Amino acid sequence: MKRQKTNITLDIIKAMRRGGREAEQEMLGPGFHSFNRQHKSKKTYTRKKKHKGEW
């Protein structure tokens, strides 16, 4: 009985993860999407116009 109970629990967890991945792909598209990024300082120099902003 224990063995069967554990398998059912693992199947439930796998199904929830699979559902979460599918929902994420529907929202953001296929591929890998990072959610945690380091905060970039405003003072960091960059040549790109979109990052310059107004001083």
Protein backbone atom coordinates (compact mmCIF):
# COMPACT_ATOMS: atom_id res chain seq x y z
CA MET A 1 0.00 0.00 0.00
CA LYS A 2 2.76 2.48 0.87
CA ARG A 3 4.41 2.12 -2.49
CA GLN A 4 1.18 2.78 -4.38
CA LYS A 5 0.37 5.81 -2.22
CA THR A 6 3.78 7.37 -2.92
CA ASN A 7 3.37 6.86 -6.67
CA ILE A 8 0.01 8.59 -6.62
CA THR A 9 1.49 11.56 -4.75
CA LEU A 10 4.39 11.82 -7.21
CA ASP A 11 1.97 11.63 -10.15
CA ILE A 12 -0.06 14.49 -8.68
CA ILE A 13 3.06 16.63 -8.25
CA LYS A 14 4.24 15.88 -11.80
CA ALA A 15 0.83 16.76 -13.22
CA MET A 16 0.78 20.09 -11.35
CA ARG A 17 4.27 20.98 -12.63
CA ARG A 18 3.31 20.06 -16.17
CA GLY A 19 0.19 22.23 -15.93
CA GLY A 20 2.26 25.13 -14.59
CA ARG A 21 4.74 24.88 -17.46
CA GLU A 22 1.94 24.78 -20.02
CA ALA A 23 0.26 27.84 -18.50
CA GLU A 24 3.59 29.73 -18.50
CA GLN A 25 4.19 28.87 -22.15
CA GLU A 26 0.73 30.12 -23.08
CA MET A 27 1.40 33.45 -21.36
CA LEU A 28 5.02 34.05 -22.36
CA GLY A 29 5.60 31.84 -25.39
CA PRO A 30 7.89 28.83 -25.79
CA GLY A 31 11.38 28.66 -24.34
CA PHE A 32 13.09 29.59 -21.08
CA HIS A 33 12.03 32.73 -19.18
CA SER A 34 14.04 34.03 -16.26
CA PHE A 35 12.11 35.75 -13.47
CA ASN A 36 14.93 36.73 -11.13
CA ARG A 37 17.31 39.37 -12.46
CA GLN A 38 19.81 41.55 -10.68
CA HIS A 39 18.86 45.19 -10.30
CA LYS A 40 20.77 47.34 -12.78
CA SER A 41 21.94 50.72 -11.52
CA LYS A 42 20.73 53.85 -13.34
CA LYS A 43 24.28 55.14 -13.21
CA THR A 44 25.65 52.22 -15.21
CA TYR A 45 26.94 53.59 -18.52
CA THR A 46 25.35 52.31 -21.72
CA ARG A 47 25.41 53.75 -25.22
CA LYS A 48 21.96 52.57 -26.18
CA LYS A 49 19.43 55.36 -26.56
CA LYS A 50 16.60 53.40 -24.96
CA HIS A 51 18.63 53.01 -21.73
CA LYS A 52 19.92 56.58 -21.42
CA GLY A 53 16.79 58.27 -20.14
CA GLU A 54 16.87 61.93 -19.11
CA TRP A 55 19.33 63.30 -16.57
